[in-house]
Amino acid sequence: MLHAASGEIILLSGKNGSGKTLWLHRLAGLDSMPAQMHVAINKNPASKQSVRMLSEQWPPIWLGQSIDEEIRFGLTPQPEQQQIRACLSRWGLSELAMDTQTAALNRLQAIRLSLAGISMANPALALLDNPTDALPEADAVQLITDISAWARDSKTIVVVACNRWHDWQTAATQHWQVLAPDTLPQVGVNG
């Protein structure tokens, strides 16, 4: 059995093809769990409202054409403009106008916008698939710092699957290693 507390960052590592992304999809409810396994958040089954996921997809598939449309998509009630501006500022995007087209964003801005949208939804569980792998080291370090602060402040459990798992070692409170797609990840395994 695997457990995570609010505000923890779980590092999900494994070799290429081991099933890291599959396990994120299972935690998100997009793929079924192997027999006898289930996901619960605060002893309740995980729901679409309690889980958000950042996909490794590049270029990203946007739901809105502008930053404002993207961050508001699916939120009920709709946030006030000042809430959105504060969220964008937290994620290092305060210089962007609300009508900036999502297709014009670079990779780092796109990841930060996706994280801003996730944080506006206030999930109990955030699943991040390779958020820093293609970023320069300085950008990756800063993004890890920002994600760690958000997880801690919002009490969101963050599960990060990545190939550059060494980058996350200092931020992670737990390390789960995927050895095979249909085997429960192992706790506390290094390497």
N, C-alpha and C. Protein backbone atom coordinates (compact mmCIF):
# COMPACT_ATOMS: atom_id res chain seq x y z
N MET A 1 0.84 -1.17 0.00
CA MET A 1 0.00 0.00 0.00
C MET A 1 0.89 1.24 0.00
N LEU A 2 0.52 2.24 -0.78
CA LEU A 2 1.24 3.50 -0.84
C LEU A 2 0.40 4.58 -0.19
N HIS A 3 1.03 5.45 0.59
CA HIS A 3 0.33 6.54 1.26
C HIS A 3 1.07 7.84 0.99
N ALA A 4 0.32 8.92 0.88
CA ALA A 4 0.90 10.25 0.74
C ALA A 4 0.07 11.22 1.56
N ALA A 5 0.73 12.14 2.22
CA ALA A 5 0.05 13.15 3.03
C ALA A 5 -0.09 14.45 2.23
N SER A 6 -1.00 15.29 2.64
CA SER A 6 -1.21 16.58 1.99
C SER A 6 0.09 17.36 1.97
N GLY A 7 0.38 17.98 0.83
CA GLY A 7 1.56 18.80 0.68
C GLY A 7 2.83 18.06 0.31
N GLU A 8 2.75 16.73 0.19
CA GLU A 8 3.93 15.96 -0.16
C GLU A 8 4.19 15.98 -1.66
N ILE A 9 5.46 15.84 -2.01
CA ILE A 9 5.85 15.64 -3.40
C ILE A 9 6.41 14.23 -3.51
N ILE A 10 5.76 13.44 -4.33
CA ILE A 10 6.14 12.05 -4.55
C ILE A 10 6.89 11.98 -5.88
N LEU A 11 8.09 11.48 -5.85
CA LEU A 11 8.89 11.28 -7.05
C LEU A 11 8.61 9.87 -7.56
N LEU A 12 8.14 9.77 -8.79
CA LEU A 12 7.85 8.49 -9.43
C LEU A 12 8.91 8.29 -10.51
N SER A 13 9.81 7.34 -10.28
CA SER A 13 10.90 7.13 -11.23
C SER A 13 10.88 5.70 -11.76
N GLY A 14 11.65 5.48 -12.78
CA GLY A 14 11.78 4.17 -13.39
C GLY A 14 12.42 4.30 -14.75
N LYS A 15 12.84 3.19 -15.30
CA LYS A 15 13.46 3.20 -16.62
C LYS A 15 12.44 3.61 -17.68
N ASN A 16 12.94 4.04 -18.83
CA ASN A 16 12.04 4.34 -19.96
C ASN A 16 11.22 3.10 -20.27
N GLY A 17 9.91 3.27 -20.40
CA GLY A 17 9.03 2.16 -20.71
C GLY A 17 8.60 1.33 -19.51
N SER A 18 8.97 1.75 -18.31
CA SER A 18 8.63 0.97 -17.11
C SER A 18 7.17 1.13 -16.70
N GLY A 19 6.52 2.21 -17.14
CA GLY A 19 5.13 2.41 -16.79
C GLY A 19 4.86 3.64 -15.95
N LYS A 20 5.77 4.60 -15.90
CA LYS A 20 5.56 5.81 -15.08
C LYS A 20 4.30 6.57 -15.52
N THR A 21 4.21 6.83 -16.82
CA THR A 21 3.04 7.57 -17.32
C THR A 21 1.77 6.75 -17.14
N LEU A 22 1.85 5.45 -17.33
CA LEU A 22 0.70 4.58 -17.10
C LEU A 22 0.23 4.70 -15.66
N TRP A 23 1.16 4.73 -14.69
CA TRP A 23 0.76 4.87 -13.29
C TRP A 23 0.12 6.23 -13.02
N LEU A 24 0.61 7.28 -13.68
CA LEU A 24 -0.05 8.59 -13.54
C LEU A 24 -1.47 8.51 -14.08
N HIS A 25 -1.63 7.88 -15.24
CA HIS A 25 -2.98 7.74 -15.83
C HIS A 25 -3.89 6.93 -14.90
N ARG A 26 -3.34 5.93 -14.26
CA ARG A 26 -4.15 5.14 -13.31
C ARG A 26 -4.55 5.99 -12.11
N LEU A 27 -3.62 6.76 -11.58
CA LEU A 27 -3.93 7.62 -10.44
C LEU A 27 -4.98 8.67 -10.82
N ALA A 28 -4.96 9.09 -12.08
CA ALA A 28 -5.94 10.07 -12.57
C ALA A 28 -7.28 9.44 -12.92
N GLY A 29 -7.34 8.11 -12.95
CA GLY A 29 -8.57 7.42 -13.32
C GLY A 29 -8.76 7.31 -14.82
N LEU A 30 -7.71 7.55 -15.60
CA LEU A 30 -7.79 7.46 -17.06
C LEU A 30 -7.57 6.03 -17.55
N ASP A 31 -6.85 5.24 -16.78
CA ASP A 31 -6.64 3.82 -17.06
C ASP A 31 -7.02 3.05 -15.80
N SER A 32 -7.44 1.82 -16.00
CA SER A 32 -7.86 1.03 -14.84
C SER A 32 -6.65 0.52 -14.06
N MET A 33 -6.85 0.37 -12.77
CA MET A 33 -5.83 -0.16 -11.87
C MET A 33 -5.78 -1.68 -12.03
N PRO A 34 -4.62 -2.27 -11.77
CA PRO A 34 -4.56 -3.73 -11.72
C PRO A 34 -5.50 -4.26 -10.64
N ALA A 35 -5.91 -5.50 -10.75
CA ALA A 35 -6.83 -6.11 -9.78
C ALA A 35 -6.31 -5.91 -8.36
N GLN A 36 -7.21 -5.67 -7.45
CA GLN A 36 -6.94 -5.52 -6.02
C GLN A 36 -6.27 -4.21 -5.66
N MET A 37 -6.17 -3.25 -6.58
CA MET A 37 -5.58 -1.95 -6.29
C MET A 37 -6.60 -0.87 -6.54
N HIS A 38 -6.58 0.19 -5.71
CA HIS A 38 -7.46 1.33 -5.94
C HIS A 38 -6.81 2.59 -5.39
N VAL A 39 -7.36 3.73 -5.79
CA VAL A 39 -6.86 5.03 -5.34
C VAL A 39 -7.92 5.66 -4.46
N ALA A 40 -7.50 6.18 -3.32
CA ALA A 40 -8.40 6.90 -2.42
C ALA A 40 -7.72 8.18 -1.96
N ILE A 41 -8.49 9.23 -1.85
CA ILE A 41 -8.00 10.50 -1.32
C ILE A 41 -8.83 10.79 -0.07
N ASN A 42 -8.15 10.87 1.05
CA ASN A 42 -8.82 11.02 2.35
C ASN A 42 -9.88 9.94 2.55
N LYS A 43 -9.54 8.73 2.20
CA LYS A 43 -10.36 7.53 2.35
C LYS A 43 -11.58 7.50 1.44
N ASN A 44 -11.65 8.44 0.48
CA ASN A 44 -12.73 8.47 -0.50
C ASN A 44 -12.16 8.15 -1.88
N PRO A 45 -12.94 7.51 -2.75
CA PRO A 45 -12.44 7.25 -4.10
C PRO A 45 -12.04 8.57 -4.79
N ALA A 46 -10.96 8.53 -5.55
CA ALA A 46 -10.53 9.72 -6.28
C ALA A 46 -11.60 10.10 -7.29
N SER A 47 -11.82 11.41 -7.45
CA SER A 47 -12.79 11.90 -8.43
C SER A 47 -12.10 12.86 -9.38
N LYS A 48 -12.74 13.14 -10.49
CA LYS A 48 -12.18 14.06 -11.46
C LYS A 48 -11.99 15.45 -10.86
N GLN A 49 -12.80 15.83 -9.90
CA GLN A 49 -12.66 17.14 -9.27
C GLN A 49 -11.46 17.19 -8.33
N SER A 50 -11.04 16.05 -7.80
CA SER A 50 -9.95 16.05 -6.83
C SER A 50 -8.59 15.78 -7.44
N VAL A 51 -8.54 15.48 -8.75
CA VAL A 51 -7.28 15.14 -9.41
C VAL A 51 -7.12 15.98 -10.67
N ARG A 52 -5.92 16.52 -10.87
CA ARG A 52 -5.57 17.23 -12.10
C ARG A 52 -4.24 16.69 -12.60
N MET A 53 -4.05 16.71 -13.93
CA MET A 53 -2.83 16.14 -14.51
C MET A 53 -2.22 17.07 -15.54
N LEU A 54 -0.89 17.18 -15.49
CA LEU A 54 -0.11 17.88 -16.50
C LEU A 54 0.52 16.82 -17.38
N SER A 55 0.14 16.81 -18.64
CA SER A 55 0.63 15.81 -19.59
C SER A 55 1.98 16.23 -20.15
N GLU A 56 2.72 15.26 -20.65
CA GLU A 56 4.01 15.53 -21.27
C GLU A 56 3.85 16.03 -22.70
N GLN A 57 2.66 16.10 -23.20
CA GLN A 57 2.35 16.49 -24.58
C GLN A 57 3.04 17.79 -24.97
N TRP A 58 3.83 17.79 -26.05
CA TRP A 58 4.39 19.01 -26.60
C TRP A 58 4.32 18.95 -28.12
N PRO A 59 3.79 19.94 -28.78
CA PRO A 59 3.20 21.11 -28.16
C PRO A 59 1.92 20.75 -27.40
N PRO A 60 1.58 21.55 -26.41
CA PRO A 60 0.41 21.23 -25.60
C PRO A 60 -0.88 21.35 -26.40
N ILE A 61 -1.88 20.65 -25.94
CA ILE A 61 -3.22 20.78 -26.51
C ILE A 61 -3.96 21.75 -25.60
N TRP A 62 -4.26 22.93 -26.11
CA TRP A 62 -4.90 23.96 -25.30
C TRP A 62 -6.41 23.84 -25.38
N LEU A 63 -7.09 24.17 -24.31
CA LEU A 63 -8.55 24.18 -24.26
C LEU A 63 -9.09 25.58 -24.52
N GLY A 64 -8.24 26.58 -24.33
CA GLY A 64 -8.61 27.96 -24.61
C GLY A 64 -7.61 28.58 -25.56
N GLN A 65 -8.02 29.61 -26.28
CA GLN A 65 -7.11 30.24 -27.23
C GLN A 65 -6.25 31.32 -26.59
N SER A 66 -6.72 31.87 -25.48
CA SER A 66 -5.94 32.89 -24.77
C SER A 66 -5.62 32.37 -23.37
N ILE A 67 -4.70 33.05 -22.71
CA ILE A 67 -4.35 32.69 -21.34
C ILE A 67 -5.60 32.75 -20.46
N ASP A 68 -6.40 33.80 -20.61
CA ASP A 68 -7.61 33.95 -19.80
C ASP A 68 -8.57 32.79 -20.03
N GLU A 69 -8.83 32.43 -21.28
CA GLU A 69 -9.73 31.31 -21.58
C GLU A 69 -9.18 30.00 -21.03
N GLU A 70 -7.88 29.78 -21.18
CA GLU A 70 -7.26 28.53 -20.74
C GLU A 70 -7.37 28.35 -19.23
N ILE A 71 -7.06 29.39 -18.49
CA ILE A 71 -7.05 29.25 -17.04
C ILE A 71 -8.47 29.15 -16.47
N ARG A 72 -9.44 29.73 -17.15
CA ARG A 72 -10.83 29.68 -16.69
C ARG A 72 -11.55 28.39 -17.06
N PHE A 73 -11.01 27.65 -18.04
CA PHE A 73 -11.71 26.50 -18.58
C PHE A 73 -12.07 25.49 -17.49
N GLY A 74 -13.35 25.19 -17.40
CA GLY A 74 -13.84 24.17 -16.48
C GLY A 74 -13.96 24.58 -15.02
N LEU A 75 -13.63 25.82 -14.69
CA LEU A 75 -13.71 26.25 -13.29
C LEU A 75 -15.10 26.77 -12.95
N THR A 76 -15.63 26.25 -11.87
CA THR A 76 -16.93 26.70 -11.36
C THR A 76 -16.79 26.90 -9.87
N PRO A 77 -17.08 28.07 -9.36
CA PRO A 77 -17.44 29.29 -10.08
C PRO A 77 -16.23 29.88 -10.80
N GLN A 78 -16.51 30.72 -11.77
CA GLN A 78 -15.43 31.38 -12.51
C GLN A 78 -14.68 32.34 -11.58
N PRO A 79 -13.34 32.30 -11.62
CA PRO A 79 -12.56 33.18 -10.75
C PRO A 79 -12.62 34.63 -11.20
N GLU A 80 -12.41 35.53 -10.25
CA GLU A 80 -12.32 36.96 -10.55
C GLU A 80 -10.99 37.23 -11.25
N GLN A 81 -10.95 38.33 -12.00
CA GLN A 81 -9.75 38.72 -12.73
C GLN A 81 -8.55 38.85 -11.78
N GLN A 82 -8.75 39.42 -10.60
CA GLN A 82 -7.63 39.61 -9.65
C GLN A 82 -7.10 38.26 -9.14
N GLN A 83 -7.96 37.27 -9.00
CA GLN A 83 -7.51 35.94 -8.60
C GLN A 83 -6.62 35.32 -9.67
N ILE A 84 -7.03 35.49 -10.92
CA ILE A 84 -6.24 34.95 -12.03
C ILE A 84 -4.89 35.66 -12.10
N ARG A 85 -4.89 36.98 -11.98
CA ARG A 85 -3.63 37.73 -12.04
C ARG A 85 -2.70 37.29 -10.90
N ALA A 86 -3.24 37.09 -9.69
CA ALA A 86 -2.42 36.64 -8.56
C ALA A 86 -1.84 35.25 -8.82
N CYS A 87 -2.65 34.39 -9.40
CA CYS A 87 -2.19 33.04 -9.72
C CYS A 87 -1.10 33.07 -10.78
N LEU A 88 -1.30 33.86 -11.83
CA LEU A 88 -0.29 33.98 -12.87
C LEU A 88 1.01 34.55 -12.31
N SER A 89 0.89 35.49 -11.39
CA SER A 89 2.08 36.06 -10.76
C SER A 89 2.83 35.01 -9.96
N ARG A 90 2.08 34.19 -9.22
CA ARG A 90 2.71 33.13 -8.43
C ARG A 90 3.51 32.18 -9.32
N TRP A 91 3.02 31.94 -10.52
CA TRP A 91 3.68 31.02 -11.44
C TRP A 91 4.63 31.72 -12.40
N GLY A 92 4.99 32.98 -12.11
CA GLY A 92 6.00 33.68 -12.91
C GLY A 92 5.53 34.14 -14.27
N LEU A 93 4.23 34.40 -14.40
CA LEU A 93 3.67 34.80 -15.69
C LEU A 93 3.01 36.17 -15.64
N SER A 94 3.38 37.00 -14.67
CA SER A 94 2.72 38.29 -14.50
C SER A 94 2.95 39.24 -15.67
N GLU A 95 4.01 39.03 -16.46
CA GLU A 95 4.30 39.92 -17.58
C GLU A 95 3.41 39.66 -18.79
N LEU A 96 2.69 38.53 -18.81
CA LEU A 96 1.85 38.19 -19.95
C LEU A 96 0.46 38.81 -19.84
N ALA A 97 -0.01 39.36 -20.95
CA ALA A 97 -1.36 39.91 -21.00
C ALA A 97 -2.36 38.77 -21.02
N MET A 98 -3.55 39.02 -20.48
CA MET A 98 -4.58 37.99 -20.40
C MET A 98 -5.03 37.52 -21.78
N ASP A 99 -4.90 38.37 -22.79
CA ASP A 99 -5.32 37.97 -24.15
C ASP A 99 -4.18 37.35 -24.96
N THR A 100 -3.03 37.08 -24.32
CA THR A 100 -1.93 36.41 -25.00
C THR A 100 -2.42 35.06 -25.51
N GLN A 101 -2.13 34.77 -26.77
CA GLN A 101 -2.56 33.52 -27.38
C GLN A 101 -1.72 32.36 -26.82
N THR A 102 -2.39 31.28 -26.41
CA THR A 102 -1.70 30.14 -25.83
C THR A 102 -0.70 29.54 -26.83
N ALA A 103 -1.00 29.58 -28.11
CA ALA A 103 -0.10 29.01 -29.13
C ALA A 103 1.22 29.78 -29.22
N ALA A 104 1.28 31.01 -28.67
CA ALA A 104 2.50 31.82 -28.74
C ALA A 104 3.45 31.57 -27.57
N LEU A 105 3.05 30.74 -26.61
CA LEU A 105 3.87 30.52 -25.42
C LEU A 105 5.04 29.59 -25.70
N ASN A 106 6.18 29.88 -25.06
CA ASN A 106 7.30 28.94 -25.15
C ASN A 106 7.05 27.78 -24.17
N ARG A 107 7.91 26.80 -24.17
CA ARG A 107 7.69 25.59 -23.36
C ARG A 107 7.57 25.90 -21.87
N LEU A 108 8.47 26.71 -21.34
CA LEU A 108 8.43 27.03 -19.91
C LEU A 108 7.15 27.79 -19.57
N GLN A 109 6.77 28.76 -20.38
CA GLN A 109 5.53 29.49 -20.14
C GLN A 109 4.32 28.57 -20.21
N ALA A 110 4.32 27.64 -21.16
CA ALA A 110 3.21 26.69 -21.31
C ALA A 110 3.08 25.81 -20.07
N ILE A 111 4.20 25.32 -19.57
CA ILE A 111 4.17 24.49 -18.37
C ILE A 111 3.66 25.31 -17.19
N ARG A 112 4.16 26.52 -17.05
CA ARG A 112 3.73 27.38 -15.94
C ARG A 112 2.24 27.73 -16.04
N LEU A 113 1.75 27.97 -17.26
CA LEU A 113 0.32 28.25 -17.42
C LEU A 113 -0.51 27.03 -17.05
N SER A 114 -0.07 25.85 -17.47
CA SER A 114 -0.79 24.63 -17.11
C SER A 114 -0.81 24.44 -15.59
N LEU A 115 0.31 24.72 -14.93
CA LEU A 115 0.36 24.61 -13.47
C LEU A 115 -0.54 25.65 -12.81
N ALA A 116 -0.61 26.84 -13.39
CA ALA A 116 -1.51 27.87 -12.86
C ALA A 116 -2.96 27.40 -12.95
N GLY A 117 -3.33 26.80 -14.09
CA GLY A 117 -4.68 26.27 -14.25
C GLY A 117 -4.97 25.16 -13.26
N ILE A 118 -4.00 24.28 -13.06
CA ILE A 118 -4.16 23.21 -12.08
C ILE A 118 -4.36 23.79 -10.69
N SER A 119 -3.54 24.77 -10.33
CA SER A 119 -3.64 25.34 -8.98
C SER A 119 -4.96 26.09 -8.78
N MET A 120 -5.50 26.71 -9.84
CA MET A 120 -6.80 27.39 -9.73
C MET A 120 -7.93 26.40 -9.46
N ALA A 121 -7.77 25.16 -9.91
CA ALA A 121 -8.78 24.12 -9.68
C ALA A 121 -8.72 23.57 -8.26
N ASN A 122 -7.63 23.85 -7.54
CA ASN A 122 -7.46 23.43 -6.15
C ASN A 122 -7.66 21.92 -5.95
N PRO A 123 -6.91 21.09 -6.68
CA PRO A 123 -7.08 19.65 -6.55
C PRO A 123 -6.44 19.12 -5.27
N ALA A 124 -6.85 17.96 -4.84
CA ALA A 124 -6.20 17.27 -3.72
C ALA A 124 -4.94 16.57 -4.22
N LEU A 125 -4.95 16.16 -5.50
CA LEU A 125 -3.85 15.42 -6.09
C LEU A 125 -3.51 16.01 -7.45
N ALA A 126 -2.23 16.37 -7.66
CA ALA A 126 -1.76 16.86 -8.95
C ALA A 126 -0.74 15.87 -9.48
N LEU A 127 -0.90 15.48 -10.73
CA LEU A 127 -0.03 14.49 -11.37
C LEU A 127 0.74 15.19 -12.49
N LEU A 128 2.06 15.18 -12.42
CA LEU A 128 2.89 15.91 -13.37
C LEU A 128 3.79 14.93 -14.12
N ASP A 129 3.64 14.90 -15.43
CA ASP A 129 4.42 13.99 -16.26
C ASP A 129 5.57 14.74 -16.92
N ASN A 130 6.78 14.50 -16.45
CA ASN A 130 8.00 15.10 -17.00
C ASN A 130 7.93 16.61 -17.14
N PRO A 131 7.59 17.34 -16.09
CA PRO A 131 7.45 18.79 -16.24
C PRO A 131 8.76 19.53 -16.49
N THR A 132 9.89 18.95 -16.10
CA THR A 132 11.16 19.68 -16.22
C THR A 132 12.16 19.04 -17.16
N ASP A 133 11.83 17.92 -17.77
CA ASP A 133 12.83 17.16 -18.54
C ASP A 133 13.46 17.91 -19.70
N ALA A 134 12.74 18.73 -20.42
CA ALA A 134 13.29 19.41 -21.60
C ALA A 134 13.69 20.86 -21.31
N LEU A 135 13.75 21.21 -20.04
CA LEU A 135 14.09 22.58 -19.67
C LEU A 135 15.58 22.71 -19.34
N PRO A 136 16.16 23.90 -19.58
CA PRO A 136 17.52 24.14 -19.11
C PRO A 136 17.57 23.97 -17.59
N GLU A 137 18.72 23.61 -17.06
CA GLU A 137 18.85 23.30 -15.64
C GLU A 137 18.35 24.42 -14.73
N ALA A 138 18.71 25.66 -15.02
CA ALA A 138 18.30 26.78 -14.16
C ALA A 138 16.77 26.92 -14.13
N ASP A 139 16.13 26.77 -15.29
CA ASP A 139 14.66 26.84 -15.35
C ASP A 139 14.03 25.67 -14.60
N ALA A 140 14.62 24.48 -14.74
CA ALA A 140 14.10 23.30 -14.05
C ALA A 140 14.20 23.47 -12.54
N VAL A 141 15.33 23.96 -12.06
CA VAL A 141 15.52 24.16 -10.61
C VAL A 141 14.49 25.15 -10.07
N GLN A 142 14.28 26.25 -10.79
CA GLN A 142 13.30 27.25 -10.32
C GLN A 142 11.88 26.69 -10.36
N LEU A 143 11.55 25.93 -11.39
CA LEU A 143 10.21 25.34 -11.48
C LEU A 143 9.98 24.35 -10.34
N ILE A 144 10.97 23.54 -10.03
CA ILE A 144 10.87 22.59 -8.92
C ILE A 144 10.64 23.34 -7.61
N THR A 145 11.36 24.43 -7.41
CA THR A 145 11.18 25.26 -6.21
C THR A 145 9.76 25.81 -6.14
N ASP A 146 9.25 26.29 -7.26
CA ASP A 146 7.90 26.85 -7.30
C ASP A 146 6.83 25.78 -7.07
N ILE A 147 7.01 24.61 -7.66
CA ILE A 147 6.05 23.51 -7.46
C ILE A 147 6.07 23.06 -6.00
N SER A 148 7.26 22.99 -5.41
CA SER A 148 7.38 22.58 -4.00
C SER A 148 6.66 23.55 -3.08
N ALA A 149 6.86 24.84 -3.32
CA ALA A 149 6.19 25.86 -2.49
C ALA A 149 4.69 25.78 -2.65
N TRP A 150 4.21 25.62 -3.88
CA TRP A 150 2.77 25.51 -4.11
C TRP A 150 2.19 24.28 -3.42
N ALA A 151 2.85 23.13 -3.55
CA ALA A 151 2.36 21.90 -2.92
C ALA A 151 2.24 22.09 -1.41
N ARG A 152 3.27 22.64 -0.83
CA ARG A 152 3.30 22.86 0.63
C ARG A 152 2.20 23.86 1.06
N ASP A 153 2.11 24.99 0.35
CA ASP A 153 1.15 26.03 0.72
C ASP A 153 -0.30 25.61 0.50
N SER A 154 -0.56 24.88 -0.59
CA SER A 154 -1.93 24.50 -0.94
C SER A 154 -2.35 23.17 -0.33
N LYS A 155 -1.39 22.45 0.25
CA LYS A 155 -1.63 21.11 0.81
C LYS A 155 -2.04 20.11 -0.28
N THR A 156 -1.54 20.33 -1.49
CA THR A 156 -1.81 19.43 -2.61
C THR A 156 -0.76 18.33 -2.65
N ILE A 157 -1.19 17.10 -2.82
CA ILE A 157 -0.25 16.00 -3.05
C ILE A 157 0.17 16.08 -4.51
N VAL A 158 1.47 16.11 -4.76
CA VAL A 158 1.98 16.19 -6.12
C VAL A 158 2.80 14.94 -6.40
N VAL A 159 2.41 14.22 -7.46
CA VAL A 159 3.17 13.05 -7.91
C VAL A 159 3.84 13.45 -9.23
N VAL A 160 5.17 13.38 -9.25
CA VAL A 160 5.95 13.78 -10.41
C VAL A 160 6.63 12.55 -11.01
N ALA A 161 6.28 12.22 -12.24
CA ALA A 161 6.97 11.16 -12.98
C ALA A 161 7.98 11.84 -13.88
N CYS A 162 9.22 11.38 -13.82
CA CYS A 162 10.22 12.04 -14.66
C CYS A 162 11.41 11.13 -14.94
N ASN A 163 12.08 11.46 -16.02
CA ASN A 163 13.29 10.75 -16.38
C ASN A 163 14.50 11.38 -15.70
N ARG A 164 14.49 12.70 -15.53
CA ARG A 164 15.56 13.39 -14.82
C ARG A 164 15.21 13.44 -13.33
N TRP A 165 15.03 12.28 -12.73
CA TRP A 165 14.55 12.19 -11.35
C TRP A 165 15.55 12.75 -10.35
N HIS A 166 16.83 12.79 -10.69
CA HIS A 166 17.82 13.34 -9.76
C HIS A 166 17.53 14.81 -9.44
N ASP A 167 16.95 15.52 -10.42
CA ASP A 167 16.61 16.93 -10.21
C ASP A 167 15.62 17.11 -9.06
N TRP A 168 14.79 16.10 -8.82
CA TRP A 168 13.70 16.21 -7.85
C TRP A 168 14.04 15.64 -6.48
N GLN A 169 15.20 15.02 -6.33
CA GLN A 169 15.52 14.33 -5.07
C GLN A 169 15.42 15.22 -3.84
N THR A 170 15.89 16.45 -3.93
CA THR A 170 15.86 17.31 -2.74
C THR A 170 14.45 17.81 -2.43
N ALA A 171 13.58 17.88 -3.42
CA ALA A 171 12.21 18.37 -3.21
C ALA A 171 11.26 17.26 -2.78
N ALA A 172 11.55 16.04 -3.19
CA ALA A 172 10.63 14.92 -2.93
C ALA A 172 10.62 14.52 -1.46
N THR A 173 9.42 14.27 -0.97
CA THR A 173 9.28 13.75 0.40
C THR A 173 9.21 12.22 0.38
N GLN A 174 8.86 11.65 -0.78
CA GLN A 174 8.86 10.20 -0.96
C GLN A 174 9.35 9.89 -2.37
N HIS A 175 9.87 8.69 -2.53
CA HIS A 175 10.34 8.24 -3.83
C HIS A 175 9.71 6.87 -4.09
N TRP A 176 8.92 6.78 -5.15
CA TRP A 176 8.32 5.52 -5.56
C TRP A 176 8.95 5.13 -6.89
N GLN A 177 9.48 3.93 -6.98
CA GLN A 177 10.09 3.48 -8.22
C GLN A 177 9.20 2.45 -8.91
N VAL A 178 8.95 2.70 -10.20
CA VAL A 178 8.16 1.78 -11.03
C VAL A 178 9.13 0.77 -11.63
N LEU A 179 8.90 -0.49 -11.30
CA LEU A 179 9.75 -1.56 -11.84
C LEU A 179 9.10 -2.26 -13.02
N ALA A 180 7.76 -2.32 -13.03
CA ALA A 180 7.00 -2.95 -14.12
C ALA A 180 5.61 -2.33 -14.14
N PRO A 181 4.97 -2.27 -15.32
CA PRO A 181 3.68 -1.61 -15.44
C PRO A 181 2.58 -2.13 -14.51
N ASP A 182 2.54 -3.42 -14.23
CA ASP A 182 1.44 -3.96 -13.42
C ASP A 182 1.86 -4.35 -12.01
N THR A 183 3.00 -3.82 -11.57
CA THR A 183 3.47 -4.06 -10.21
C THR A 183 3.42 -2.74 -9.45
N LEU A 184 2.89 -2.76 -8.25
CA LEU A 184 2.82 -1.56 -7.43
C LEU A 184 4.22 -0.96 -7.29
N PRO A 185 4.37 0.36 -7.50
CA PRO A 185 5.69 0.96 -7.33
C PRO A 185 6.26 0.64 -5.93
N GLN A 186 7.58 0.58 -5.89
CA GLN A 186 8.29 0.28 -4.66
C GLN A 186 8.62 1.58 -3.93
N VAL A 187 8.45 1.60 -2.62
CA VAL A 187 8.71 2.79 -1.82
C VAL A 187 10.18 2.85 -1.40
N GLY A 188 10.74 4.06 -1.52
CA GLY A 188 12.06 4.31 -0.99
C GLY A 188 13.21 3.69 -1.73
N VAL A 189 12.99 3.28 -2.97
CA VAL A 189 14.06 2.68 -3.75
C VAL A 189 14.84 3.79 -4.43
N ASN A 190 16.15 3.77 -4.35
CA ASN A 190 16.98 4.77 -5.02
C ASN A 190 17.50 4.22 -6.33
N GLY A 191 17.63 5.15 -7.29
CA GLY A 191 18.21 4.77 -8.58
C GLY A 191 17.21 4.28 -9.48
